[in-house]
């Protein structure tokens, strides 16, 4: 994952940047595998970005 990008990114922390921390330690601190990190792009259309984020979140958690 590149934080130098100007795109909206969704990232599962348990499978990437936090994978070096043992799972039991992550869970104790609240960093579960279901944690999703969102980096929001630089955009002049905030409403469009919001709709995109909402759509993606509904795909991974339909009841949200």
C-alpha atoms as a PDB file:
ATOM      1  CA  UNK A   1       0.000   0.000   0.000  1.00  0.00           C
ATOM      2  CA  UNK A   2       1.384   3.372  -0.984  1.00  0.00           C
ATOM      3  CA  UNK A   3       0.432   6.371   1.106  1.00  0.00           C
ATOM      4  CA  UNK A   4       2.064   8.583  -1.517  1.00  0.00           C
ATOM      5  CA  UNK A   5      -0.802   7.948  -3.904  1.00  0.00           C
ATOM      6  CA  UNK A   6      -3.696  10.346  -4.495  1.00  0.00           C
ATOM      7  CA  UNK A   7      -6.310   7.590  -4.698  1.00  0.00           C
ATOM      8  CA  UNK A   8      -8.834   6.344  -2.178  1.00  0.00           C
ATOM      9  CA  UNK A   9      -7.529   3.062  -0.810  1.00  0.00           C
ATOM     10  CA  UNK A  10      -9.079   0.390   1.404  1.00  0.00           C
ATOM     11  CA  UNK A  11      -6.662  -1.866   3.211  1.00  0.00           C
ATOM     12  CA  UNK A  12      -7.103  -4.816   5.565  1.00  0.00           C
ATOM     13  CA  UNK A  13      -4.569  -4.061   8.280  1.00  0.00           C
ATOM     14  CA  UNK A  14      -4.464  -7.566   9.752  1.00  0.00           C
ATOM     15  CA  UNK A  15      -3.206  -8.937   6.449  1.00  0.00           C
ATOM     16  CA  UNK A  16      -0.700  -6.230   5.653  1.00  0.00           C
ATOM     17  CA  UNK A  17       0.995  -3.580   7.768  1.00  0.00           C
ATOM     18  CA  UNK A  18       0.058  -5.171  11.099  1.00  0.00           C
ATOM     19  CA  UNK A  19       0.861  -8.743  10.044  1.00  0.00           C
ATOM     20  CA  UNK A  20       4.189  -8.598  11.909  1.00  0.00           C
ATOM     21  CA  UNK A  21       2.322  -8.289  15.224  1.00  0.00           C
ATOM     22  CA  UNK A  22       1.117 -11.648  16.593  1.00  0.00           C
ATOM     23  CA  UNK A  23      -2.637 -12.079  16.159  1.00  0.00           C
ATOM     24  CA  UNK A  24      -3.338 -12.459  19.900  1.00  0.00           C
ATOM     25  CA  UNK A  25      -1.577  -9.146  20.602  1.00  0.00           C
ATOM     26  CA  UNK A  26      -3.526  -7.402  17.825  1.00  0.00           C
ATOM     27  CA  UNK A  27      -6.830  -8.699  19.199  1.00  0.00           C
ATOM     28  CA  UNK A  28      -5.981  -7.550  22.748  1.00  0.00           C
ATOM     29  CA  UNK A  29      -5.459  -4.011  21.470  1.00  0.00           C
ATOM     30  CA  UNK A  30      -8.590  -3.997  19.296  1.00  0.00           C
ATOM     31  CA  UNK A  31      -6.774  -4.434  15.998  1.00  0.00           C
ATOM     32  CA  UNK A  32      -8.883  -7.278  14.652  1.00  0.00           C
ATOM     33  CA  UNK A  33      -8.708  -8.779  11.164  1.00  0.00           C
ATOM     34  CA  UNK A  34     -11.928  -6.930  10.322  1.00  0.00           C
ATOM     35  CA  UNK A  35     -10.250  -3.537  10.764  1.00  0.00           C
ATOM     36  CA  UNK A  36     -10.191  -1.595   7.501  1.00  0.00           C
ATOM     37  CA  UNK A  37      -7.934   1.378   6.907  1.00  0.00           C
ATOM     38  CA  UNK A  38      -9.235   4.011   4.518  1.00  0.00           C
ATOM     39  CA  UNK A  39      -6.985   6.603   2.897  1.00  0.00           C
ATOM     40  CA  UNK A  40      -9.140   9.177   1.127  1.00  0.00           C
ATOM     41  CA  UNK A  41      -7.972  10.697  -2.129  1.00  0.00           C
ATOM     42  CA  UNK A  42      -7.544  14.374  -2.803  1.00  0.00           C
ATOM     43  CA  UNK A  43     -10.717  15.227  -4.637  1.00  0.00           C
ATOM     44  CA  UNK A  44     -12.773  18.270  -5.519  1.00  0.00           C
ATOM     45  CA  UNK A  45     -15.986  16.194  -5.567  1.00  0.00           C
ATOM     46  CA  UNK A  46     -16.518  15.188  -1.941  1.00  0.00           C
ATOM     47  CA  UNK A  47     -20.011  13.831  -2.614  1.00  0.00           C
ATOM     48  CA  UNK A  48     -18.729  11.439  -5.292  1.00  0.00           C
ATOM     49  CA  UNK A  49     -15.938  10.227  -3.005  1.00  0.00           C
ATOM     50  CA  UNK A  50     -18.455   9.694  -0.185  1.00  0.00           C
ATOM     51  CA  UNK A  51     -20.720   7.643  -2.487  1.00  0.00           C
ATOM     52  CA  UNK A  52     -17.769   5.497  -3.591  1.00  0.00           C
ATOM     53  CA  UNK A  53     -16.701   4.834  -0.001  1.00  0.00           C
ATOM     54  CA  UNK A  54     -20.265   4.036   1.063  1.00  0.00           C
ATOM     55  CA  UNK A  55     -20.670   1.614  -1.879  1.00  0.00           C
ATOM     56  CA  UNK A  56     -17.426  -0.200  -1.045  1.00  0.00           C
ATOM     57  CA  UNK A  57     -18.325  -0.495   2.630  1.00  0.00           C
ATOM     58  CA  UNK A  58     -21.741  -1.930   1.751  1.00  0.00           C
ATOM     59  CA  UNK A  59     -20.041  -4.546  -0.426  1.00  0.00           C
ATOM     60  CA  UNK A  60     -17.919  -5.789   2.462  1.00  0.00           C
ATOM     61  CA  UNK A  61     -20.648  -5.361   5.100  1.00  0.00           C
ATOM     62  CA  UNK A  62     -24.112  -5.274   3.486  1.00  0.00           C
ATOM     63  CA  UNK A  63     -25.993  -4.383   6.698  1.00  0.00           C
ATOM     64  CA  UNK A  64     -23.925  -1.191   7.225  1.00  0.00           C
END
